[in-house]
C-alpha atoms as a PDB file:
ATOM      1  CA  MET A   1      97.596-122.308 -47.108  1.00  0.00           C
ATOM      2  CA  ASP A   2      95.055-121.087 -49.635  1.00  0.00           C
ATOM      3  CA  VAL A   3      96.330-118.600 -52.206  1.00  0.00           C
ATOM      4  CA  THR A   4      94.186-115.517 -52.635  1.00  0.00           C
ATOM      5  CA  VAL A   5      92.653-114.689 -55.999  1.00  0.00           C
ATOM      6  CA  GLU A   6      94.710-111.505 -56.105  1.00  0.00           C
ATOM      7  CA  LYS A   7      97.941-113.490 -55.654  1.00  0.00           C
ATOM      8  CA  LYS A   8      96.885-115.920 -58.404  1.00  0.00           C
ATOM      9  CA  LEU A   9      96.233-112.988 -60.723  1.00  0.00           C
ATOM     10  CA  GLN A  10      99.585-111.451 -59.853  1.00  0.00           C
ATOM     11  CA  ASP A  11     101.343-114.730 -60.618  1.00  0.00           C
ATOM     12  CA  LEU A  12      99.461-115.083 -63.900  1.00  0.00           C
ATOM     13  CA  TRP A  13     100.296-111.507 -64.822  1.00  0.00           C
ATOM     14  CA  LYS A  14     103.973-112.009 -64.001  1.00  0.00           C
ATOM     15  CA  LEU A  15     104.073-115.104 -66.203  1.00  0.00           C
ATOM     16  CA  GLN A  16     102.415-113.136 -69.011  1.00  0.00           C
ATOM     17  CA  GLN A  17     105.001-110.329 -68.732  1.00  0.00           C
ATOM     18  CA  ILE A  18     107.842-112.856 -68.960  1.00  0.00           C
ATOM     19  CA  ASP A  19     106.253-114.478 -72.008  1.00  0.00           C
ATOM     20  CA  ASN A  20     105.787-111.036 -73.584  1.00  0.00           C
ATOM     21  CA  LYS A  21     109.516-110.393 -73.268  1.00  0.00           C
ATOM     22  CA  LEU A  22     110.367-113.832 -74.668  1.00  0.00           C
ATOM     23  CA  ASP A  23     107.981-113.213 -77.574  1.00  0.00           C
ATOM     24  CA  ASN A  24     109.658-109.872 -78.259  1.00  0.00           C
ATOM     25  CA  LEU A  25     113.085-111.530 -78.307  1.00  0.00           C
ATOM     26  CA  LYS A  26     111.775-114.153 -80.755  1.00  0.00           C
ATOM     27  CA  ALA A  27     110.362-111.319 -82.860  1.00  0.00           C
ATOM     28  CA  VAL A  28     113.881-109.869 -83.059  1.00  0.00           C
ATOM     29  CA  LEU A  29     114.825-112.999 -84.984  1.00  0.00           C
ATOM     30  CA  GLY A  30     111.918-112.271 -87.311  1.00  0.00           C
ATOM     31  CA  GLU A  31     111.673-114.834 -90.091  1.00  0.00           C
ATOM     32  CA  LEU A  32     115.383-115.673 -90.002  1.00  0.00           C
ATOM     33  CA  PRO A  33     114.960-119.256 -88.690  1.00  0.00           C
ATOM     34  CA  MET A  34     112.369-119.981 -91.401  1.00  0.00           C
ATOM     35  CA  GLU A  35     114.548-118.327 -94.056  1.00  0.00           C
ATOM     36  CA  VAL A  36     117.500-120.492 -93.001  1.00  0.00           C
ATOM     37  CA  SER A  37     115.322-123.608 -93.159  1.00  0.00           C
ATOM     38  CA  ASP A  38     113.954-122.651 -96.587  1.00  0.00           C
ATOM     39  CA  LEU A  39     117.458-122.025 -97.926  1.00  0.00           C
ATOM     40  CA  GLU A  40     118.641-125.399 -96.622  1.00  0.00           C
ATOM     41  CA  ASP A  41     115.710-127.048 -98.425  1.00  0.00           C
ATOM     42  CA  ASP A  42     116.525-125.112-101.620  1.00  0.00           C
ATOM     43  CA  ILE A  43     120.170-126.157-101.445  1.00  0.00           C
ATOM     44  CA  ALA A  44     119.239-129.815-100.957  1.00  0.00           C
ATOM     45  CA  GLY A  45     116.936-129.566-103.985  1.00  0.00           C
ATOM     46  CA  PHE A  46     119.587-127.901-106.170  1.00  0.00           C
ATOM     47  CA  GLU A  47     122.230-130.461-105.107  1.00  0.00           C
ATOM     48  CA  THR A  48     119.871-133.284-106.053  1.00  0.00           C
ATOM     49  CA  ARG A  49     119.209-131.616-109.410  1.00  0.00           C
ATOM     50  CA  VAL A  50     122.946-131.099-110.068  1.00  0.00           C
ATOM     51  CA  ASN A  51     123.657-134.773-109.326  1.00  0.00           C
ATOM     52  CA  HIS A  52     120.774-135.853-111.578  1.00  0.00           C
ATOM     53  CA  ILE A  53     121.979-133.696-114.492  1.00  0.00           C
ATOM     54  CA  GLN A  54     125.560-134.908-114.067  1.00  0.00           C
ATOM     55  CA  GLU A  55     124.330-138.520-114.155  1.00  0.00           C
ATOM     56  CA  GLU A  56     122.398-137.788-117.362  1.00  0.00           C
ATOM     57  CA  ILE A  57     125.476-136.184-118.960  1.00  0.00           C
ATOM     58  CA  THR A  58     127.628-139.170-117.948  1.00  0.00           C
ATOM     59  CA  SER A  59     125.047-141.517-119.476  1.00  0.00           C
ATOM     60  CA  LEU A  60     125.015-139.509-122.727  1.00  0.00           C
ATOM     61  CA  ASP A  61     128.824-139.467-122.816  1.00  0.00           C
ATOM     62  CA  THR A  62     128.747-143.255-122.514  1.00  0.00           C
ATOM     63  CA  GLU A  63     126.267-143.443-125.394  1.00  0.00           C
ATOM     64  CA  VAL A  64     128.548-141.260-127.544  1.00  0.00           C
ATOM     65  CA  ALA A  65     131.549-143.457-126.700  1.00  0.00           C
ATOM     66  CA  ASN A  66     129.579-146.600-127.548  1.00  0.00           C
ATOM     67  CA  LYS A  67     128.471-145.164-130.892  1.00  0.00           C
ATOM     68  CA  LYS A  68     132.051-144.205-131.754  1.00  0.00           C
ATOM     69  CA  LEU A  69     133.154-147.773-131.007  1.00  0.00           C
ATOM     70  CA  ALA A  70     130.295-149.069-133.166  1.00  0.00           C
ATOM     71  CA  ILE A  71     131.420-146.825-136.034  1.00  0.00           C
ATOM     72  CA  LYS A  72     134.937-148.277-135.796  1.00  0.00           C
ATOM     73  CA  ASP A  73     133.520-151.791-135.837  1.00  0.00           C
ATOM     74  CA  PHE A  74     131.377-151.052-138.903  1.00  0.00           C
ATOM     75  CA  GLN A  75     134.322-149.363-140.613  1.00  0.00           C
ATOM     76  CA  ARG A  76     136.403-152.500-140.102  1.00  0.00           C
ATOM     77  CA  LEU A  77     133.572-154.506-141.643  1.00  0.00           C
ATOM     78  CA  ILE A  78     133.511-152.198-144.655  1.00  0.00           C
ATOM     79  CA  ASP A  79     137.283-152.598-145.060  1.00  0.00           C
ATOM     80  CA  LYS A  80     136.826-156.350-144.828  1.00  0.00           C
ATOM     81  CA  TYR A  81     134.011-156.307-147.416  1.00  0.00           C
ATOM     82  CA  GLU A  82     136.123-154.206-149.798  1.00  0.00           C
ATOM     83  CA  ASP A  83     138.931-156.756-149.565  1.00  0.00           C
ATOM     84  CA  GLN A  84     136.429-159.528-150.284  1.00  0.00           C
ATOM     85  CA  LEU A  85     134.993-157.640-153.263  1.00  0.00           C
ATOM     86  CA  ASN A  86     138.442-157.630-154.856  1.00  0.00           C
ATOM     87  CA  ASN A  87     138.421-161.421-154.858  1.00  0.00           C
ATOM     88  CA  ILE A  88     134.821-162.037-155.970  1.00  0.00           C
ATOM     89  CA  LYS A  89     134.375-164.565-158.802  1.00  0.00           C
ATOM     90  CA  ASN A  90     130.629-164.273-159.482  1.00  0.00           C
ATOM     91  CA  SER A  91     128.011-161.547-159.514  1.00  0.00           C
ATOM     92  CA  ARG A  92     125.776-163.203-156.966  1.00  0.00           C
ATOM     93  CA  GLU A  93     128.489-163.189-154.295  1.00  0.00           C
ATOM     94  CA  PHE A  94     129.424-159.646-155.310  1.00  0.00           C
ATOM     95  CA  GLU A  95     125.871-158.396-154.754  1.00  0.00           C
ATOM     96  CA  ALA A  96     125.615-160.070-151.339  1.00  0.00           C
ATOM     97  CA  ILE A  97     128.868-158.617-150.044  1.00  0.00           C
ATOM     98  CA  ASP A  98     128.126-155.222-151.578  1.00  0.00           C
ATOM     99  CA  LYS A  99     124.756-155.250-149.794  1.00  0.00           C
ATOM    100  CA  GLU A 100     126.454-155.990-146.451  1.00  0.00           C
ATOM    101  CA  LYS A 101     128.873-153.154-147.113  1.00  0.00           C
ATOM    102  CA  GLU A 102     125.977-150.807-147.828  1.00  0.00           C
ATOM    103  CA  ILE A 103     124.222-151.825-144.611  1.00  0.00           C
ATOM    104  CA  ALA A 104     127.401-151.200-142.606  1.00  0.00           C
ATOM    105  CA  GLY A 105     127.672-147.753-144.205  1.00  0.00           C
ATOM    106  CA  LEU A 106     124.064-146.943-143.222  1.00  0.00           C
ATOM    107  CA  GLU A 107     124.799-148.071-139.656  1.00  0.00           C
ATOM    108  CA  ILE A 108     127.724-145.649-139.562  1.00  0.00           C
ATOM    109  CA  LEU A 109     125.517-142.785-140.797  1.00  0.00           C
ATOM    110  CA  SER A 110     122.893-143.672-138.180  1.00  0.00           C
ATOM    111  CA  ALA A 111     125.526-143.789-135.424  1.00  0.00           C
ATOM    112  CA  GLU A 112     126.940-140.423-136.512  1.00  0.00           C
ATOM    113  CA  LYS A 113     123.458-138.890-136.411  1.00  0.00           C
ATOM    114  CA  LYS A 114     122.920-140.320-132.920  1.00  0.00           C
ATOM    115  CA  ILE A 115     126.229-138.859-131.799  1.00  0.00           C
ATOM    116  CA  ARG A 116     125.211-135.396-133.059  1.00  0.00           C
ATOM    117  CA  ASP A 117     121.912-135.705-131.201  1.00  0.00           C
ATOM    118  CA  PHE A 118     123.656-136.821-128.026  1.00  0.00           C
ATOM    119  CA  VAL A 119     126.157-133.960-128.275  1.00  0.00           C
ATOM    120  CA  LYS A 120     123.310-131.444-128.601  1.00  0.00           C
ATOM    121  CA  GLN A 121     121.654-132.932-125.523  1.00  0.00           C
ATOM    122  CA  ILE A 122     124.953-132.809-123.630  1.00  0.00           C
ATOM    123  CA  ASP A 123     125.461-129.153-124.551  1.00  0.00           C
ATOM    124  CA  ALA A 124     121.927-128.275-123.434  1.00  0.00           C
ATOM    125  CA  LYS A 125     122.319-130.155-120.166  1.00  0.00           C
ATOM    126  CA  ASN A 126     125.704-128.510-119.545  1.00  0.00           C
ATOM    127  CA  GLU A 127     124.019-125.112-119.876  1.00  0.00           C
ATOM    128  CA  VAL A 128     121.347-126.150-117.373  1.00  0.00           C
ATOM    129  CA  LEU A 129     124.051-127.588-115.119  1.00  0.00           C
ATOM    130  CA  THR A 130     125.995-124.312-115.202  1.00  0.00           C
ATOM    131  CA  SER A 131     122.942-122.215-114.305  1.00  0.00           C
ATOM    132  CA  THR A 132     121.874-124.693-111.608  1.00  0.00           C
ATOM    133  CA  LYS A 133     125.344-124.647-110.048  1.00  0.00           C
ATOM    134  CA  ALA A 134     125.302-120.842-110.107  1.00  0.00           C
ATOM    135  CA  ALA A 135     121.924-120.837-108.340  1.00  0.00           C
ATOM    136  CA  LEU A 136     123.254-123.382-105.847  1.00  0.00           C
ATOM    137  CA  GLU A 137     126.299-121.255-105.031  1.00  0.00           C
ATOM    138  CA  SER A 138     124.067-118.194-104.661  1.00  0.00           C
ATOM    139  CA  ARG A 139     121.824-120.048-102.195  1.00  0.00           C
ATOM    140  CA  LYS A 140     124.870-121.265-100.270  1.00  0.00           C
ATOM    141  CA  ALA A 141     126.163-117.705 -99.980  1.00  0.00           C
ATOM    142  CA  ASP A 142     122.728-116.529 -98.783  1.00  0.00           C
ATOM    143  CA  LEU A 143     122.589-119.366 -96.260  1.00  0.00           C
ATOM    144  CA  GLU A 144     126.041-118.556 -94.905  1.00  0.00           C
ATOM    145  CA  PHE A 145     125.017-114.910 -94.424  1.00  0.00           C
ATOM    146  CA  LYS A 146     121.661-115.767 -92.826  1.00  0.00           C
ATOM    147  CA  LYS A 147     123.220-118.341 -90.495  1.00  0.00           C
ATOM    148  CA  ALA A 148     125.888-115.875 -89.380  1.00  0.00           C
ATOM    149  CA  GLU A 149     123.221-113.253 -88.741  1.00  0.00           C
ATOM    150  CA  LEU A 150     121.024-115.707 -86.846  1.00  0.00           C
ATOM    151  CA  THR A 151     123.944-116.928 -84.731  1.00  0.00           C
ATOM    152  CA  GLU A 152     124.969-113.366 -83.897  1.00  0.00           C
ATOM    153  CA  ILE A 153     121.462-112.350 -82.806  1.00  0.00           C
ATOM    154  CA  GLU A 154     121.005-115.547 -80.785  1.00  0.00           C
ATOM    155  CA  LYS A 155     124.368-115.000 -79.109  1.00  0.00           C
ATOM    156  CA  GLU A 156     123.497-111.399 -78.257  1.00  0.00           C
ATOM    157  CA  ASN A 157     120.244-112.473 -76.594  1.00  0.00           C
ATOM    158  CA  GLU A 158     121.330-115.837 -75.206  1.00  0.00           C
ATOM    159  CA  GLU A 159     121.999-114.604 -71.670  1.00  0.00           C
ATOM    160  CA  GLU A 160     118.727-112.687 -71.464  1.00  0.00           C
ATOM    161  CA  ILE A 161     116.722-115.606 -72.881  1.00  0.00           C
ATOM    162  CA  GLN A 162     118.276-118.001 -70.365  1.00  0.00           C
ATOM    163  CA  LYS A 163     117.421-115.622 -67.512  1.00  0.00           C
ATOM    164  CA  LEU A 164     113.850-115.199 -68.745  1.00  0.00           C
ATOM    165  CA  ASN A 165     113.404-118.952 -69.141  1.00  0.00           C
ATOM    166  CA  LYS A 166     114.587-119.439 -65.561  1.00  0.00           C
ATOM    167  CA  ASP A 167     112.235-116.687 -64.358  1.00  0.00           C
ATOM    168  CA  ARG A 168     109.426-118.318 -66.312  1.00  0.00           C
ATOM    169  CA  GLU A 169     110.106-121.684 -64.738  1.00  0.00           C
ATOM    170  CA  ASN A 170     109.986-120.121 -61.262  1.00  0.00           C
ATOM    171  CA  ALA A 171     106.804-118.186 -62.095  1.00  0.00           C
ATOM    172  CA  ALA A 172     105.124-121.324 -63.441  1.00  0.00           C
ATOM    173  CA  LYS A 173     105.891-123.235 -60.233  1.00  0.00           C
ATOM    174  CA  LYS A 174     103.867-120.698 -58.251  1.00  0.00           C
ATOM    175  CA  LEU A 175     100.750-121.406 -60.296  1.00  0.00           C
ATOM    176  CA  ASP A 176      98.245-124.146 -59.695  1.00  0.00           C
ATOM    177  CA  GLU A 177      98.458-126.704 -62.530  1.00  0.00           C
ATOM    178  CA  ARG A 178      94.847-125.982 -63.479  1.00  0.00           C
ATOM    179  CA  TYR A 179      95.522-122.262 -63.962  1.00  0.00           C
ATOM    180  CA  PHE A 180      98.796-122.964 -65.764  1.00  0.00           C
ATOM    181  CA  ARG A 181      97.006-125.199 -68.316  1.00  0.00           C
ATOM    182  CA  ALA A 182      94.221-122.657 -68.747  1.00  0.00           C
ATOM    183  CA  TYR A 183      96.781-119.898 -69.297  1.00  0.00           C
ATOM    184  CA  HIS A 184      98.502-121.878 -72.030  1.00  0.00           C
ATOM    185  CA  ARG A 185      95.236-122.872 -73.670  1.00  0.00           C
ATOM    186  CA  ILE A 186      94.163-119.231 -73.914  1.00  0.00           C
ATOM    187  CA  ARG A 187      97.614-118.084 -74.995  1.00  0.00           C
ATOM    188  CA  GLU A 188      97.763-120.602 -77.841  1.00  0.00           C
ATOM    189  CA  ASN A 189      94.449-119.309 -79.177  1.00  0.00           C
ATOM    190  CA  MET A 190      95.610-115.690 -79.281  1.00  0.00           C
ATOM    191  CA  LYS A 191      97.629-114.403 -82.251  1.00  0.00           C
ATOM    192  CA  ASN A 192      99.661-112.056 -80.061  1.00  0.00           C
ATOM    193  CA  GLY A 193     100.138-114.647 -77.309  1.00  0.00           C
ATOM    194  CA  VAL A 194      98.402-112.506 -74.673  1.00  0.00           C
ATOM    195  CA  ALA A 195      96.352-114.661 -72.308  1.00  0.00           C
ATOM    196  CA  VAL A 196      96.234-112.201 -69.385  1.00  0.00           C
ATOM    197  CA  ALA A 197      95.082-108.704 -70.313  1.00  0.00           C
ATOM    198  CA  PRO A 198      94.731-105.543 -68.196  1.00  0.00           C
ATOM    199  CA  ILE A 199      91.860-103.137 -68.183  1.00  0.00           C
ATOM    200  CA  VAL A 200      92.803-100.157 -70.345  1.00  0.00           C
ATOM    201  CA  ARG A 201      90.479 -97.160 -70.153  1.00  0.00           C
ATOM    202  CA  GLY A 202      87.537 -99.359 -69.259  1.00  0.00           C
ATOM    203  CA  SER A 203      88.225-101.867 -72.061  1.00  0.00           C
ATOM    204  CA  CYS A 204      89.930-105.247 -72.424  1.00  0.00           C
ATOM    205  CA  GLY A 205      93.597-104.663 -73.143  1.00  0.00           C
ATOM    206  CA  GLY A 206      93.579-107.683 -75.460  1.00  0.00           C
ATOM    207  CA  CYS A 207      90.598-107.188 -77.765  1.00  0.00           C
ATOM    208  CA  PHE A 208      89.716-103.576 -76.716  1.00  0.00           C
ATOM    209  CA  SER A 209      86.077-104.458 -76.149  1.00  0.00           C
ATOM    210  CA  LYS A 210      84.275-102.309 -73.600  1.00  0.00           C
ATOM    211  CA  ILE A 211      83.871-103.920 -70.163  1.00  0.00           C
ATOM    212  CA  PRO A 212      80.445-103.470 -68.485  1.00  0.00           C
ATOM    213  CA  PRO A 213      80.653-101.440 -65.236  1.00  0.00           C
ATOM    214  CA  GLN A 214      79.472-104.352 -63.042  1.00  0.00           C
ATOM    215  CA  ARG A 215      82.021-106.731 -64.562  1.00  0.00           C
ATOM    216  CA  HIS A 216      84.665-104.055 -64.099  1.00  0.00           C
ATOM    217  CA  SER A 217      83.788-103.855 -60.429  1.00  0.00           C
ATOM    218  CA  ASP A 218      83.908-107.656 -60.085  1.00  0.00           C
ATOM    219  CA  ILE A 219      87.402-107.716 -61.607  1.00  0.00           C
ATOM    220  CA  ARG A 220      88.602-105.067 -59.141  1.00  0.00           C
ATOM    221  CA  ALA A 221      87.066-106.976 -56.243  1.00  0.00           C
ATOM    222  CA  HIS A 222      89.405-109.968 -56.783  1.00  0.00           C
ATOM    223  CA  TYR A 223      86.846-112.440 -55.505  1.00  0.00           C
ATOM    224  CA  LYS A 224      87.305-114.725 -58.510  1.00  0.00           C
ATOM    225  CA  ILE A 225      89.218-114.924 -61.795  1.00  0.00           C
ATOM    226  CA  ILE A 226      87.153-113.302 -64.535  1.00  0.00           C
ATOM    227  CA  ASP A 227      87.696-113.544 -68.286  1.00  0.00           C
ATOM    228  CA  CYS A 228      86.754-111.171 -71.096  1.00  0.00           C
ATOM    229  CA  GLU A 229      83.273-111.851 -72.427  1.00  0.00           C
ATOM    230  CA  HIS A 230      84.481-111.233 -75.988  1.00  0.00           C
ATOM    231  CA  CYS A 231      87.954-112.784 -76.343  1.00  0.00           C
ATOM    232  CA  GLY A 232      88.225-115.075 -73.301  1.00  0.00           C
ATOM    233  CA  ARG A 233      91.419-113.524 -71.923  1.00  0.00           C
ATOM    234  CA  ILE A 234      91.924-113.448 -68.162  1.00  0.00           C
ATOM    235  CA  MET A 235      91.285-109.892 -66.951  1.00  0.00           C
ATOM    236  CA  VAL A 236      93.382-108.032 -64.352  1.00  0.00           C
ATOM    237  CA  ASP A 237      92.834-104.565 -62.952  1.00  0.00           C
ATOM    238  CA  GLN A 238      95.370-101.755 -62.607  1.00  0.00           C
ATOM    239  CA  HIS A 239      96.171-102.755 -59.026  1.00  0.00           C
ATOM    240  CA  VAL A 240      97.503-106.107 -60.283  1.00  0.00           C
ATOM    241  CA  SER A 241      98.965-105.114 -63.634  1.00  0.00           C
ATOM    242  CA  GLY A 242      99.992-101.494 -63.642  1.00  0.00           C
ATOM    243  CA  ILE A 243      98.968-100.286 -67.103  1.00  0.00           C
ATOM    244  CA  ALA A 244     102.265 -98.445 -67.638  1.00  0.00           C
ATOM    245  CA  ALA A 245     104.229-101.658 -67.146  1.00  0.00           C
ATOM    246  CA  PHE A 246     102.022-103.435 -69.697  1.00  0.00           C
ATOM    247  CA  ALA A 247     102.435-100.643 -72.208  1.00  0.00           C
ATOM    248  CA  GLU A 248     106.192-100.753 -71.809  1.00  0.00           C
ATOM    249  CA  VAL A 249     106.294-104.439 -72.686  1.00  0.00           C
ATOM    250  CA  LYS A 250     104.063-104.073 -75.733  1.00  0.00           C
ATOM    251  CA  GLU A 251     105.892-101.002 -77.011  1.00  0.00           C
ATOM    252  CA  GLU A 252     109.165-102.896 -77.417  1.00  0.00           C
ATOM    253  CA  LYS A 253     109.945-103.071 -81.115  1.00  0.00           C
ATOM    254  CA  PRO A 254     112.074-105.779 -82.772  1.00  0.00           C
ATOM    255  CA  THR A 255     114.117-103.229 -84.695  1.00  0.00           C
ATOM    256  CA  ARG A 256     117.494-104.926 -84.404  1.00  0.00           C
ATOM    257  CA  ARG A 257     116.654-107.366 -87.179  1.00  0.00           C
ATOM    258  CA  LYS A 258     115.538-104.587 -89.550  1.00  0.00           C
ATOM    259  CA  MET A 259     118.589-102.457 -88.773  1.00  0.00           C
ATOM    260  CA  ARG A 260     120.906-105.381 -89.361  1.00  0.00           C
ATOM    261  CA  LEU A 261     119.367-106.184 -92.729  1.00  0.00           C
ATOM    262  CA  THR A 262     119.497-102.527 -93.771  1.00  0.00           C
ATOM    263  CA  THR A 263     123.183-102.427 -92.893  1.00  0.00           C
ATOM    264  CA  ALA A 264     123.804-105.646 -94.805  1.00  0.00           C
ATOM    265  CA  LYS A 265     122.368-104.123 -97.936  1.00  0.00           C
END
């Protein structure tokens, strides 16, 4: 049996009302899902940075330990050279051993300087590590709060969202596939997600452009589906939509999110 144009418009309008309510429930969440995602990315970045700094500190500690071992080795050489100097029989041998002793002493001074440099770097990196860990813990605390808030809001609206999704599925089944695709194509192109708009005081309820009298009459006649000349939304008259019902949907405000954040502060 052929479905009348009026029935098609009613089905489209019903689907739009359901989507309006779902959009309003998503608006209650506000930017929470994105904030949670951003915090998770921040935490992953800070954890990577902490691990990198700790690896650098470990590497510098190893360098310090190696230099200290080198100093001990050079000191043993110096002790050995001093013992040899006590048993030297000619000046030539004395000068050679004394030169080796001097070189070992310079190596010790160089190693000590390196150790001081490494220690300074370690201290600086420890300061950065401390501040990075503090920032990481702060982000983790923020994430825990945001996740709890998001979970609470989702739980509060879970039953209603499930009901609306079921209603939407049933409403979509009543539509011809061609009209369903057209509805979604228009909806995706509209910032407010409104693909089916009512006539409000002689204007398109979506873009508020004035509707010519003849086009207004054609919309009321229900002989075909007519879109807005300006925005492309599907137009429905008061008989199909009921302007008051449309206004009620659009007047819903996602205040729960704002109230919750105000309380949290």
